[in-house]
Amino acid sequence: MRARTLGICMPMLMLMATAGCASSGSRFTRPQPETLVLGKTTHDEVVRQVGEPVRTGTGVKNDQPLKVVGYWYYCGLACKLGEERDWTGKFYGRAMHFFFSDDVLVGYDYTSTHDNDDTDFDDTKAYQLKKGQTTRSQVIELLGKPSGMYIYPMISSKTDTALVYVYQGTKHKPRFPRGLETEHTSKFLVVSFDTQDLLTGAEFGPGGER
């Protein structure tokens, strides 16, 4: 996820890989997108809605200083949000980060492996996107509902807005003749649009543009 370049966000993959079957972080309620208005919602409004963050830090993006707050809850190999048991080897976790410039929200992203709000997406379809042709509604139809949004300085253009797709997951598989094999998946995509909702660029994690 591109936010890692800010140096303050702990990837959920790391939590999953090291926490075993124990829980980590703190439970939080994911805000509804309509309550998060980029360029308007303040840091205090987010904290009042979501609660005290697990981690707070600072960073720089496009030469602009940022405040970043992170929330996550990892509930181990065998639990889900409703505490059901699942022995398929899938790790369950959720993480959300908010980015502020002068205490005003300029971006947020969310990743989850829970069945009821899983953020996994088919990143191979992103190569069908075309600059100046693909529209915002076509991106959503192709990739599904985004799990975040960015504006400047989280993206380079001061007039564009961006949809964010993030997924991080970990799963254990049996390994013959004994033991377990750990499989990590990490996907990140930021798709930017101009004021006419036409695609201006797509940024893939851990790096690169097309």
N, C-alpha and C. Protein backbone atom coordinates (compact mmCIF):
# COMPACT_ATOMS: atom_id res chain seq x y z
N MET A 1 0.84 -1.18 0.00
CA MET A 1 0.00 0.00 0.00
C MET A 1 0.87 1.24 0.00
N ARG A 2 0.56 2.23 -0.80
CA ARG A 2 1.42 3.37 -0.98
C ARG A 2 1.65 4.14 0.30
N ALA A 3 0.69 4.09 1.22
CA ALA A 3 0.86 4.83 2.48
C ALA A 3 2.08 4.37 3.26
N ARG A 4 2.60 3.18 2.97
CA ARG A 4 3.77 2.69 3.68
C ARG A 4 4.96 3.62 3.49
N THR A 5 5.00 4.35 2.35
CA THR A 5 6.11 5.25 2.11
C THR A 5 6.16 6.37 3.13
N LEU A 6 5.08 6.58 3.85
CA LEU A 6 5.05 7.60 4.89
C LEU A 6 5.76 7.10 6.15
N GLY A 7 5.95 5.81 6.24
CA GLY A 7 6.78 5.28 7.31
C GLY A 7 6.13 5.16 8.67
N ILE A 8 4.79 5.24 8.72
CA ILE A 8 4.17 5.19 10.05
C ILE A 8 3.08 4.14 10.15
N CYS A 9 2.64 3.56 9.04
CA CYS A 9 1.51 2.63 9.07
C CYS A 9 2.00 1.19 9.14
N MET A 10 1.49 0.43 10.09
CA MET A 10 1.88 -0.97 10.23
C MET A 10 1.01 -1.82 9.32
N PRO A 11 1.60 -2.52 8.35
CA PRO A 11 0.81 -3.36 7.46
C PRO A 11 0.10 -4.46 8.22
N MET A 12 -1.14 -4.74 7.81
CA MET A 12 -1.89 -5.81 8.47
C MET A 12 -1.22 -7.16 8.22
N LEU A 13 -0.51 -7.30 7.10
CA LEU A 13 0.20 -8.54 6.84
C LEU A 13 1.19 -8.85 7.95
N MET A 14 1.90 -7.83 8.45
CA MET A 14 2.86 -8.03 9.52
C MET A 14 2.17 -8.51 10.79
N LEU A 15 1.02 -7.91 11.08
CA LEU A 15 0.28 -8.34 12.26
C LEU A 15 -0.16 -9.78 12.14
N MET A 16 -0.65 -10.14 10.94
CA MET A 16 -1.13 -11.50 10.73
C MET A 16 -0.01 -12.51 10.83
N ALA A 17 1.15 -12.12 10.33
CA ALA A 17 2.26 -13.06 10.29
C ALA A 17 2.87 -13.30 11.66
N THR A 18 2.74 -12.32 12.57
CA THR A 18 3.45 -12.41 13.84
C THR A 18 2.54 -12.65 15.04
N ALA A 19 1.24 -12.42 14.88
CA ALA A 19 0.37 -12.46 16.05
C ALA A 19 -0.15 -13.84 16.39
N GLY A 20 0.06 -14.83 15.50
CA GLY A 20 -0.43 -16.17 15.78
C GLY A 20 -1.94 -16.18 15.89
N CYS A 21 -2.46 -16.82 16.93
CA CYS A 21 -3.91 -16.91 17.11
C CYS A 21 -4.43 -15.86 18.07
N ALA A 22 -3.57 -14.97 18.54
CA ALA A 22 -4.01 -13.94 19.48
C ALA A 22 -4.59 -12.75 18.72
N SER A 23 -5.33 -11.92 19.43
CA SER A 23 -5.87 -10.71 18.82
C SER A 23 -4.87 -9.57 19.00
N SER A 24 -4.99 -8.57 18.13
CA SER A 24 -4.09 -7.43 18.19
C SER A 24 -4.85 -6.20 17.73
N GLY A 25 -4.49 -5.03 18.28
CA GLY A 25 -5.17 -3.80 17.92
C GLY A 25 -6.41 -3.59 18.75
N SER A 26 -7.36 -2.87 18.19
CA SER A 26 -8.60 -2.55 18.90
C SER A 26 -9.77 -2.57 17.92
N ARG A 27 -10.89 -3.11 18.36
CA ARG A 27 -12.08 -3.13 17.50
C ARG A 27 -12.50 -1.70 17.15
N PHE A 28 -12.94 -1.50 15.94
CA PHE A 28 -13.41 -0.19 15.52
C PHE A 28 -14.54 -0.35 14.52
N THR A 29 -15.34 0.70 14.40
CA THR A 29 -16.45 0.72 13.44
C THR A 29 -16.02 1.48 12.20
N ARG A 30 -16.12 0.85 11.07
CA ARG A 30 -15.77 1.50 9.81
C ARG A 30 -16.81 2.56 9.48
N PRO A 31 -16.41 3.81 9.28
CA PRO A 31 -17.38 4.86 8.97
C PRO A 31 -18.01 4.65 7.61
N GLN A 32 -19.24 5.11 7.44
CA GLN A 32 -19.86 5.10 6.13
C GLN A 32 -19.19 6.15 5.25
N PRO A 33 -18.95 5.84 3.97
CA PRO A 33 -18.25 6.79 3.09
C PRO A 33 -18.88 8.17 3.05
N GLU A 34 -20.20 8.26 3.15
CA GLU A 34 -20.86 9.56 3.07
C GLU A 34 -20.54 10.46 4.26
N THR A 35 -20.01 9.89 5.33
CA THR A 35 -19.64 10.71 6.49
C THR A 35 -18.22 11.24 6.39
N LEU A 36 -17.49 10.82 5.37
CA LEU A 36 -16.09 11.23 5.19
C LEU A 36 -16.00 12.12 3.95
N VAL A 37 -15.91 13.41 4.16
CA VAL A 37 -15.87 14.37 3.05
C VAL A 37 -14.46 14.90 2.90
N LEU A 38 -13.78 14.48 1.84
CA LEU A 38 -12.41 14.93 1.63
C LEU A 38 -12.37 16.44 1.44
N GLY A 39 -11.38 17.07 2.09
CA GLY A 39 -11.26 18.52 2.02
C GLY A 39 -12.15 19.25 2.99
N LYS A 40 -12.91 18.51 3.81
CA LYS A 40 -13.84 19.16 4.75
C LYS A 40 -13.82 18.50 6.13
N THR A 41 -13.98 17.17 6.19
CA THR A 41 -14.01 16.47 7.47
C THR A 41 -12.68 16.68 8.21
N THR A 42 -12.78 16.93 9.52
CA THR A 42 -11.58 17.22 10.31
C THR A 42 -11.09 15.99 11.06
N HIS A 43 -9.86 16.11 11.55
CA HIS A 43 -9.27 15.05 12.36
C HIS A 43 -10.13 14.74 13.58
N ASP A 44 -10.58 15.76 14.29
CA ASP A 44 -11.38 15.55 15.50
C ASP A 44 -12.71 14.87 15.17
N GLU A 45 -13.30 15.20 14.02
CA GLU A 45 -14.56 14.57 13.63
C GLU A 45 -14.37 13.08 13.36
N VAL A 46 -13.26 12.71 12.75
CA VAL A 46 -12.98 11.29 12.50
C VAL A 46 -12.78 10.56 13.82
N VAL A 47 -12.00 11.12 14.73
CA VAL A 47 -11.73 10.47 16.01
C VAL A 47 -13.02 10.33 16.82
N ARG A 48 -13.87 11.34 16.78
CA ARG A 48 -15.15 11.24 17.50
C ARG A 48 -16.01 10.11 16.94
N GLN A 49 -15.91 9.89 15.65
CA GLN A 49 -16.74 8.87 15.00
C GLN A 49 -16.16 7.46 15.15
N VAL A 50 -14.83 7.33 15.01
CA VAL A 50 -14.20 6.01 14.98
C VAL A 50 -13.61 5.62 16.33
N GLY A 51 -13.20 6.61 17.11
CA GLY A 51 -12.57 6.34 18.39
C GLY A 51 -11.09 6.68 18.35
N GLU A 52 -10.42 6.48 19.48
CA GLU A 52 -8.99 6.77 19.55
C GLU A 52 -8.21 5.79 18.68
N PRO A 53 -7.29 6.28 17.85
CA PRO A 53 -6.55 5.40 16.94
C PRO A 53 -5.57 4.51 17.68
N VAL A 54 -5.21 3.41 17.03
CA VAL A 54 -4.17 2.52 17.56
C VAL A 54 -2.81 3.18 17.42
N ARG A 55 -2.62 3.91 16.33
CA ARG A 55 -1.34 4.58 16.10
C ARG A 55 -1.55 5.91 15.40
N THR A 56 -0.76 6.90 15.77
CA THR A 56 -0.76 8.21 15.13
C THR A 56 0.67 8.54 14.71
N GLY A 57 0.80 9.14 13.53
CA GLY A 57 2.13 9.48 13.06
C GLY A 57 2.08 10.64 12.08
N THR A 58 3.22 10.96 11.52
CA THR A 58 3.32 12.02 10.53
C THR A 58 4.10 11.51 9.33
N GLY A 59 3.96 12.21 8.21
CA GLY A 59 4.67 11.84 7.01
C GLY A 59 4.64 12.96 6.01
N VAL A 60 5.18 12.72 4.84
CA VAL A 60 5.21 13.70 3.76
C VAL A 60 4.78 13.03 2.47
N LYS A 61 3.90 13.69 1.74
CA LYS A 61 3.47 13.20 0.43
C LYS A 61 3.40 14.39 -0.51
N ASN A 62 4.05 14.27 -1.67
CA ASN A 62 4.12 15.38 -2.63
C ASN A 62 4.57 16.67 -1.96
N ASP A 63 5.59 16.51 -1.10
CA ASP A 63 6.23 17.63 -0.38
C ASP A 63 5.32 18.32 0.62
N GLN A 64 4.21 17.68 0.97
CA GLN A 64 3.29 18.27 1.94
C GLN A 64 3.27 17.42 3.22
N PRO A 65 3.35 18.08 4.39
CA PRO A 65 3.30 17.32 5.65
C PRO A 65 1.91 16.77 5.91
N LEU A 66 1.87 15.58 6.46
CA LEU A 66 0.61 14.91 6.74
C LEU A 66 0.58 14.36 8.16
N LYS A 67 -0.62 14.32 8.73
CA LYS A 67 -0.88 13.57 9.95
C LYS A 67 -1.63 12.30 9.53
N VAL A 68 -1.22 11.18 10.10
CA VAL A 68 -1.84 9.90 9.74
C VAL A 68 -2.29 9.19 11.01
N VAL A 69 -3.52 8.70 11.01
CA VAL A 69 -4.00 7.91 12.14
C VAL A 69 -4.42 6.54 11.62
N GLY A 70 -4.07 5.51 12.37
CA GLY A 70 -4.35 4.16 11.95
C GLY A 70 -5.17 3.38 12.96
N TYR A 71 -6.07 2.57 12.42
CA TYR A 71 -6.90 1.67 13.23
C TYR A 71 -6.74 0.26 12.66
N TRP A 72 -6.65 -0.74 13.52
CA TRP A 72 -6.70 -2.10 13.03
C TRP A 72 -7.14 -3.04 14.14
N TYR A 73 -7.68 -4.15 13.72
CA TYR A 73 -8.02 -5.21 14.66
C TYR A 73 -7.80 -6.54 13.96
N TYR A 74 -6.89 -7.31 14.51
CA TYR A 74 -6.59 -8.64 14.01
C TYR A 74 -7.06 -9.64 15.05
N CYS A 75 -7.93 -10.55 14.65
CA CYS A 75 -8.52 -11.43 15.66
C CYS A 75 -8.09 -12.88 15.51
N GLY A 76 -6.96 -13.10 14.88
CA GLY A 76 -6.36 -14.42 14.91
C GLY A 76 -6.84 -15.37 13.83
N LEU A 77 -6.27 -16.55 13.86
CA LEU A 77 -6.50 -17.55 12.83
C LEU A 77 -7.92 -18.07 12.82
N ALA A 78 -8.58 -18.09 13.97
CA ALA A 78 -9.82 -18.84 14.06
C ALA A 78 -11.03 -18.00 14.44
N CYS A 79 -10.98 -16.69 14.25
CA CYS A 79 -12.16 -15.91 14.62
C CYS A 79 -12.53 -14.93 13.54
N LYS A 80 -13.80 -14.56 13.54
CA LYS A 80 -14.33 -13.56 12.63
C LYS A 80 -14.94 -12.46 13.48
N LEU A 81 -15.54 -11.45 12.82
CA LEU A 81 -16.14 -10.36 13.58
C LEU A 81 -17.18 -10.85 14.56
N GLY A 82 -17.95 -11.87 14.19
CA GLY A 82 -18.99 -12.40 15.07
C GLY A 82 -18.51 -13.51 15.96
N GLU A 83 -17.18 -13.72 16.00
CA GLU A 83 -16.55 -14.73 16.86
C GLU A 83 -16.89 -16.15 16.43
N GLU A 84 -17.34 -16.35 15.16
CA GLU A 84 -17.51 -17.73 14.70
C GLU A 84 -16.14 -18.36 14.52
N ARG A 85 -16.10 -19.66 14.55
CA ARG A 85 -14.82 -20.36 14.37
C ARG A 85 -14.69 -20.81 12.92
N ASP A 86 -13.47 -20.73 12.42
CA ASP A 86 -13.21 -21.08 11.03
C ASP A 86 -11.81 -21.67 10.97
N TRP A 87 -11.72 -22.95 10.64
CA TRP A 87 -10.43 -23.63 10.64
C TRP A 87 -9.90 -23.84 9.23
N THR A 88 -10.23 -22.95 8.30
CA THR A 88 -9.77 -23.07 6.92
C THR A 88 -8.35 -22.54 6.77
N GLY A 89 -7.78 -21.93 7.79
CA GLY A 89 -6.43 -21.40 7.71
C GLY A 89 -6.38 -19.93 7.36
N LYS A 90 -7.52 -19.28 7.18
CA LYS A 90 -7.56 -17.87 6.81
C LYS A 90 -7.43 -17.00 8.06
N PHE A 91 -6.58 -15.97 7.96
CA PHE A 91 -6.44 -15.01 9.04
C PHE A 91 -7.45 -13.88 8.84
N TYR A 92 -8.06 -13.43 9.93
CA TYR A 92 -9.08 -12.38 9.83
C TYR A 92 -8.58 -11.09 10.46
N GLY A 93 -8.68 -10.01 9.70
CA GLY A 93 -8.22 -8.72 10.20
C GLY A 93 -8.82 -7.59 9.39
N ARG A 94 -8.77 -6.40 9.97
CA ARG A 94 -9.27 -5.18 9.35
C ARG A 94 -8.32 -4.05 9.71
N ALA A 95 -8.11 -3.13 8.78
CA ALA A 95 -7.26 -1.98 9.06
C ALA A 95 -7.75 -0.78 8.26
N MET A 96 -7.64 0.41 8.86
CA MET A 96 -8.06 1.63 8.18
C MET A 96 -7.12 2.76 8.56
N HIS A 97 -6.76 3.57 7.56
CA HIS A 97 -5.87 4.71 7.78
C HIS A 97 -6.53 5.98 7.26
N PHE A 98 -6.33 7.06 7.99
CA PHE A 98 -6.85 8.37 7.61
C PHE A 98 -5.67 9.34 7.50
N PHE A 99 -5.70 10.18 6.46
CA PHE A 99 -4.60 11.10 6.19
C PHE A 99 -5.12 12.53 6.22
N PHE A 100 -4.41 13.40 6.95
CA PHE A 100 -4.87 14.77 7.16
C PHE A 100 -3.79 15.77 6.77
N SER A 101 -4.21 16.85 6.12
CA SER A 101 -3.35 17.99 5.83
C SER A 101 -3.96 19.19 6.54
N ASP A 102 -3.19 19.81 7.44
CA ASP A 102 -3.72 20.91 8.27
C ASP A 102 -4.99 20.48 8.99
N ASP A 103 -4.99 19.21 9.47
CA ASP A 103 -6.09 18.63 10.23
C ASP A 103 -7.37 18.44 9.43
N VAL A 104 -7.30 18.53 8.10
CA VAL A 104 -8.44 18.28 7.23
C VAL A 104 -8.20 16.99 6.44
N LEU A 105 -9.21 16.16 6.34
CA LEU A 105 -9.08 14.85 5.71
C LEU A 105 -8.77 14.97 4.22
N VAL A 106 -7.68 14.32 3.78
CA VAL A 106 -7.32 14.32 2.36
C VAL A 106 -7.24 12.89 1.81
N GLY A 107 -7.53 11.89 2.63
CA GLY A 107 -7.53 10.54 2.13
C GLY A 107 -7.82 9.52 3.22
N TYR A 108 -8.32 8.37 2.80
CA TYR A 108 -8.53 7.25 3.71
C TYR A 108 -8.51 5.96 2.89
N ASP A 109 -8.10 4.88 3.53
CA ASP A 109 -8.16 3.57 2.87
C ASP A 109 -8.46 2.50 3.92
N TYR A 110 -8.98 1.39 3.45
CA TYR A 110 -9.48 0.33 4.34
C TYR A 110 -9.19 -1.01 3.69
N THR A 111 -8.77 -1.98 4.49
CA THR A 111 -8.59 -3.34 4.02
C THR A 111 -9.20 -4.31 5.02
N SER A 112 -9.81 -5.37 4.52
CA SER A 112 -10.46 -6.34 5.39
C SER A 112 -10.44 -7.72 4.73
N THR A 113 -10.29 -8.74 5.56
CA THR A 113 -10.40 -10.12 5.09
C THR A 113 -11.66 -10.79 5.62
N HIS A 114 -12.52 -10.03 6.30
CA HIS A 114 -13.76 -10.59 6.83
C HIS A 114 -14.78 -10.78 5.71
N ASP A 115 -15.55 -11.84 5.82
CA ASP A 115 -16.46 -12.21 4.73
C ASP A 115 -17.50 -11.12 4.44
N ASN A 116 -17.93 -10.41 5.47
CA ASN A 116 -19.01 -9.44 5.26
C ASN A 116 -18.55 -8.11 4.69
N ASP A 117 -17.23 -7.84 4.68
CA ASP A 117 -16.76 -6.61 4.03
C ASP A 117 -15.36 -6.81 3.43
N ASP A 118 -15.15 -7.99 2.86
CA ASP A 118 -13.88 -8.33 2.23
C ASP A 118 -13.54 -7.32 1.13
N THR A 119 -12.31 -6.80 1.12
CA THR A 119 -11.92 -5.79 0.14
C THR A 119 -11.11 -6.36 -1.02
N ASP A 120 -11.05 -7.68 -1.15
CA ASP A 120 -10.29 -8.28 -2.24
C ASP A 120 -10.89 -7.86 -3.59
N PHE A 121 -10.03 -7.71 -4.59
CA PHE A 121 -10.47 -7.32 -5.92
C PHE A 121 -9.55 -7.95 -6.96
N ASP A 122 -10.03 -8.03 -8.19
CA ASP A 122 -9.26 -8.64 -9.27
C ASP A 122 -8.36 -7.57 -9.89
N ASP A 123 -7.12 -7.50 -9.42
CA ASP A 123 -6.23 -6.46 -9.90
C ASP A 123 -5.79 -6.66 -11.35
N THR A 124 -5.96 -7.87 -11.89
CA THR A 124 -5.59 -8.08 -13.29
C THR A 124 -6.50 -7.29 -14.24
N LYS A 125 -7.70 -6.97 -13.79
CA LYS A 125 -8.62 -6.20 -14.64
C LYS A 125 -8.19 -4.74 -14.78
N ALA A 126 -7.29 -4.30 -13.90
CA ALA A 126 -6.86 -2.90 -13.95
C ALA A 126 -6.17 -2.56 -15.27
N TYR A 127 -5.64 -3.57 -15.94
CA TYR A 127 -4.94 -3.32 -17.20
C TYR A 127 -5.91 -3.02 -18.35
N GLN A 128 -7.20 -3.12 -18.07
CA GLN A 128 -8.19 -2.73 -19.07
C GLN A 128 -8.49 -1.23 -19.01
N LEU A 129 -7.99 -0.54 -17.99
CA LEU A 129 -8.27 0.88 -17.83
C LEU A 129 -7.50 1.69 -18.88
N LYS A 130 -8.14 2.74 -19.40
CA LYS A 130 -7.52 3.57 -20.42
C LYS A 130 -7.64 5.04 -20.05
N LYS A 131 -6.50 5.72 -20.04
CA LYS A 131 -6.47 7.14 -19.73
C LYS A 131 -7.32 7.94 -20.72
N GLY A 132 -8.10 8.86 -20.16
CA GLY A 132 -8.91 9.73 -20.98
C GLY A 132 -10.14 9.08 -21.57
N GLN A 133 -10.34 7.78 -21.30
CA GLN A 133 -11.49 7.07 -21.87
C GLN A 133 -12.36 6.42 -20.79
N THR A 134 -11.72 5.68 -19.89
CA THR A 134 -12.47 4.98 -18.86
C THR A 134 -13.06 5.97 -17.86
N THR A 135 -14.32 5.78 -17.50
CA THR A 135 -14.98 6.67 -16.56
C THR A 135 -14.97 6.08 -15.15
N ARG A 136 -15.30 6.93 -14.19
CA ARG A 136 -15.37 6.47 -12.80
C ARG A 136 -16.37 5.33 -12.63
N SER A 137 -17.54 5.46 -13.22
CA SER A 137 -18.57 4.42 -13.08
C SER A 137 -18.12 3.12 -13.73
N GLN A 138 -17.35 3.19 -14.82
CA GLN A 138 -16.84 1.99 -15.47
C GLN A 138 -15.80 1.29 -14.60
N VAL A 139 -14.98 2.07 -13.90
CA VAL A 139 -13.99 1.48 -12.98
C VAL A 139 -14.69 0.72 -11.87
N ILE A 140 -15.72 1.33 -11.29
CA ILE A 140 -16.47 0.67 -10.21
C ILE A 140 -17.17 -0.59 -10.72
N GLU A 141 -17.71 -0.52 -11.94
CA GLU A 141 -18.35 -1.69 -12.52
C GLU A 141 -17.34 -2.81 -12.75
N LEU A 142 -16.10 -2.44 -13.12
CA LEU A 142 -15.07 -3.42 -13.42
C LEU A 142 -14.43 -4.01 -12.17
N LEU A 143 -14.12 -3.15 -11.19
CA LEU A 143 -13.35 -3.57 -10.02
C LEU A 143 -14.17 -3.72 -8.75
N GLY A 144 -15.39 -3.18 -8.75
CA GLY A 144 -16.20 -3.22 -7.54
C GLY A 144 -16.10 -1.92 -6.76
N LYS A 145 -16.76 -1.90 -5.63
CA LYS A 145 -16.78 -0.71 -4.79
C LYS A 145 -15.39 -0.47 -4.19
N PRO A 146 -14.89 0.77 -4.28
CA PRO A 146 -13.57 1.06 -3.70
C PRO A 146 -13.60 1.04 -2.19
N SER A 147 -12.42 0.90 -1.57
CA SER A 147 -12.35 0.89 -0.12
C SER A 147 -11.65 2.13 0.42
N GLY A 148 -11.49 3.15 -0.44
CA GLY A 148 -10.90 4.40 0.01
C GLY A 148 -10.96 5.46 -1.06
N MET A 149 -10.58 6.69 -0.68
CA MET A 149 -10.50 7.81 -1.60
C MET A 149 -9.35 8.71 -1.21
N TYR A 150 -8.71 9.35 -2.21
CA TYR A 150 -7.62 10.29 -1.99
C TYR A 150 -7.86 11.57 -2.79
N ILE A 151 -7.37 12.69 -2.27
CA ILE A 151 -7.20 13.92 -3.03
C ILE A 151 -5.78 14.42 -2.75
N TYR A 152 -5.40 15.51 -3.40
CA TYR A 152 -4.10 16.11 -3.15
C TYR A 152 -3.96 16.47 -1.66
N PRO A 153 -2.81 16.19 -1.06
CA PRO A 153 -1.55 15.74 -1.64
C PRO A 153 -1.33 14.23 -1.64
N MET A 154 -2.36 13.44 -1.37
CA MET A 154 -2.21 11.99 -1.46
C MET A 154 -2.03 11.56 -2.91
N ILE A 155 -2.49 12.37 -3.86
CA ILE A 155 -2.19 12.19 -5.28
C ILE A 155 -1.56 13.49 -5.76
N SER A 156 -0.91 13.45 -6.92
CA SER A 156 -0.11 14.60 -7.35
C SER A 156 -0.94 15.75 -7.89
N SER A 157 -2.09 15.46 -8.50
CA SER A 157 -2.91 16.53 -9.08
C SER A 157 -3.75 17.23 -8.02
N LYS A 158 -3.79 18.55 -8.08
CA LYS A 158 -4.59 19.31 -7.12
C LYS A 158 -6.07 19.35 -7.49
N THR A 159 -6.43 18.90 -8.68
CA THR A 159 -7.83 18.94 -9.12
C THR A 159 -8.46 17.57 -9.25
N ASP A 160 -7.65 16.52 -9.29
CA ASP A 160 -8.18 15.16 -9.44
C ASP A 160 -8.67 14.60 -8.11
N THR A 161 -9.47 13.57 -8.19
CA THR A 161 -9.82 12.73 -7.04
C THR A 161 -9.48 11.29 -7.41
N ALA A 162 -9.32 10.44 -6.41
CA ALA A 162 -8.90 9.06 -6.70
C ALA A 162 -9.70 8.06 -5.88
N LEU A 163 -10.02 6.94 -6.52
CA LEU A 163 -10.59 5.78 -5.85
C LEU A 163 -9.44 4.85 -5.44
N VAL A 164 -9.55 4.27 -4.25
CA VAL A 164 -8.48 3.43 -3.72
C VAL A 164 -8.99 2.02 -3.50
N TYR A 165 -8.22 1.06 -3.98
CA TYR A 165 -8.51 -0.36 -3.77
C TYR A 165 -7.34 -0.98 -3.01
N VAL A 166 -7.62 -1.59 -1.85
CA VAL A 166 -6.57 -2.17 -1.02
C VAL A 166 -7.01 -3.53 -0.51
N TYR A 167 -6.09 -4.49 -0.56
CA TYR A 167 -6.37 -5.79 0.06
C TYR A 167 -5.06 -6.38 0.56
N GLN A 168 -5.07 -6.84 1.81
CA GLN A 168 -3.95 -7.57 2.39
C GLN A 168 -4.49 -8.78 3.11
N GLY A 169 -3.98 -9.94 2.78
CA GLY A 169 -4.47 -11.16 3.41
C GLY A 169 -3.38 -12.17 3.64
N THR A 170 -3.59 -13.05 4.62
CA THR A 170 -2.66 -14.13 4.94
C THR A 170 -3.45 -15.41 5.18
N LYS A 171 -2.90 -16.50 4.67
CA LYS A 171 -3.58 -17.78 4.84
C LYS A 171 -2.55 -18.87 5.04
N HIS A 172 -2.85 -19.83 5.94
CA HIS A 172 -2.00 -21.00 6.15
C HIS A 172 -2.56 -22.18 5.37
N LYS A 173 -1.67 -22.90 4.71
CA LYS A 173 -2.06 -24.13 4.02
C LYS A 173 -1.22 -25.28 4.52
N PRO A 174 -1.83 -26.48 4.64
CA PRO A 174 -1.04 -27.65 5.07
C PRO A 174 0.09 -27.92 4.09
N ARG A 175 1.25 -28.31 4.62
CA ARG A 175 2.41 -28.62 3.79
C ARG A 175 2.83 -30.07 4.04
N PHE A 176 2.88 -30.84 2.97
CA PHE A 176 3.23 -32.26 3.08
C PHE A 176 4.71 -32.42 3.35
N PRO A 177 5.15 -33.31 4.25
CA PRO A 177 4.30 -34.23 5.02
C PRO A 177 3.80 -33.64 6.33
N ARG A 178 4.35 -32.47 6.72
CA ARG A 178 3.89 -31.87 7.98
C ARG A 178 4.15 -30.38 7.94
N GLY A 179 3.51 -29.67 8.87
CA GLY A 179 3.72 -28.24 8.97
C GLY A 179 2.72 -27.43 8.14
N LEU A 180 2.95 -26.13 8.11
CA LEU A 180 2.06 -25.22 7.40
C LEU A 180 2.85 -24.32 6.46
N GLU A 181 2.24 -23.96 5.37
CA GLU A 181 2.82 -23.02 4.42
C GLU A 181 2.03 -21.72 4.48
N THR A 182 2.72 -20.59 4.65
CA THR A 182 2.06 -19.29 4.77
C THR A 182 2.01 -18.60 3.42
N GLU A 183 0.82 -18.15 3.04
CA GLU A 183 0.62 -17.48 1.77
C GLU A 183 0.16 -16.04 2.03
N HIS A 184 0.91 -15.05 1.55
CA HIS A 184 0.57 -13.65 1.73
C HIS A 184 0.07 -13.06 0.40
N THR A 185 -0.94 -12.22 0.50
CA THR A 185 -1.46 -11.51 -0.67
C THR A 185 -1.54 -10.03 -0.34
N SER A 186 -1.01 -9.18 -1.22
CA SER A 186 -1.07 -7.74 -1.02
C SER A 186 -1.37 -7.06 -2.34
N LYS A 187 -2.45 -6.28 -2.38
CA LYS A 187 -2.86 -5.57 -3.59
C LYS A 187 -3.14 -4.11 -3.25
N PHE A 188 -2.77 -3.23 -4.15
CA PHE A 188 -3.00 -1.80 -3.93
C PHE A 188 -3.15 -1.12 -5.28
N LEU A 189 -4.20 -0.33 -5.43
CA LEU A 189 -4.44 0.36 -6.69
C LEU A 189 -5.12 1.70 -6.40
N VAL A 190 -4.57 2.77 -6.97
CA VAL A 190 -5.16 4.10 -6.87
C VAL A 190 -5.49 4.58 -8.27
N VAL A 191 -6.77 4.86 -8.52
CA VAL A 191 -7.22 5.27 -9.85
C VAL A 191 -7.71 6.72 -9.77
N SER A 192 -7.08 7.61 -10.53
CA SER A 192 -7.37 9.04 -10.45
C SER A 192 -8.27 9.48 -11.60
N PHE A 193 -9.10 10.50 -11.31
CA PHE A 193 -10.05 11.02 -12.29
C PHE A 193 -10.02 12.54 -12.29
N ASP A 194 -10.30 13.12 -13.48
CA ASP A 194 -10.39 14.57 -13.57
C ASP A 194 -11.79 15.03 -13.20
N THR A 195 -12.06 16.30 -13.37
CA THR A 195 -13.35 16.86 -12.97
C THR A 195 -14.50 16.36 -13.84
N GLN A 196 -14.17 15.73 -14.99
CA GLN A 196 -15.19 15.16 -15.86
C GLN A 196 -15.36 13.66 -15.61
N ASP A 197 -14.74 13.16 -14.54
CA ASP A 197 -14.80 11.74 -14.16
C ASP A 197 -14.16 10.83 -15.20
N LEU A 198 -13.17 11.34 -15.95
CA LEU A 198 -12.39 10.52 -16.87
C LEU A 198 -11.06 10.17 -16.23
N LEU A 199 -10.61 8.94 -16.45
CA LEU A 199 -9.40 8.43 -15.83
C LEU A 199 -8.17 9.21 -16.29
N THR A 200 -7.35 9.63 -15.33
CA THR A 200 -6.10 10.33 -15.64
C THR A 200 -4.87 9.50 -15.31
N GLY A 201 -5.03 8.45 -14.52
CA GLY A 201 -3.88 7.61 -14.19
C GLY A 201 -4.24 6.53 -13.21
N ALA A 202 -3.42 5.47 -13.19
CA ALA A 202 -3.59 4.36 -12.25
C ALA A 202 -2.24 4.03 -11.64
N GLU A 203 -2.18 3.98 -10.34
CA GLU A 203 -0.94 3.70 -9.61
C GLU A 203 -1.07 2.36 -8.90
N PHE A 204 -0.12 1.49 -9.16
CA PHE A 204 -0.14 0.15 -8.59
C PHE A 204 0.87 0.03 -7.47
N GLY A 205 0.53 -0.70 -6.40
CA GLY A 205 1.51 -0.95 -5.37
C GLY A 205 2.24 -2.25 -5.63
N PRO A 206 3.47 -2.36 -5.15
CA PRO A 206 4.18 -1.39 -4.33
C PRO A 206 4.77 -0.21 -5.08
N GLY A 207 4.57 -0.11 -6.41
CA GLY A 207 5.08 1.06 -7.13
C GLY A 207 4.77 0.95 -8.60
N GLY A 208 4.88 2.07 -9.31
CA GLY A 208 4.70 2.06 -10.75
C GLY A 208 3.40 2.70 -11.16
N GLU A 209 3.41 3.30 -12.34
CA GLU A 209 2.22 3.91 -12.91
C GLU A 209 2.05 3.45 -14.34
N ARG A 210 0.83 3.60 -14.86
CA ARG A 210 0.60 3.33 -16.27
C ARG A 210 -0.39 4.37 -16.79
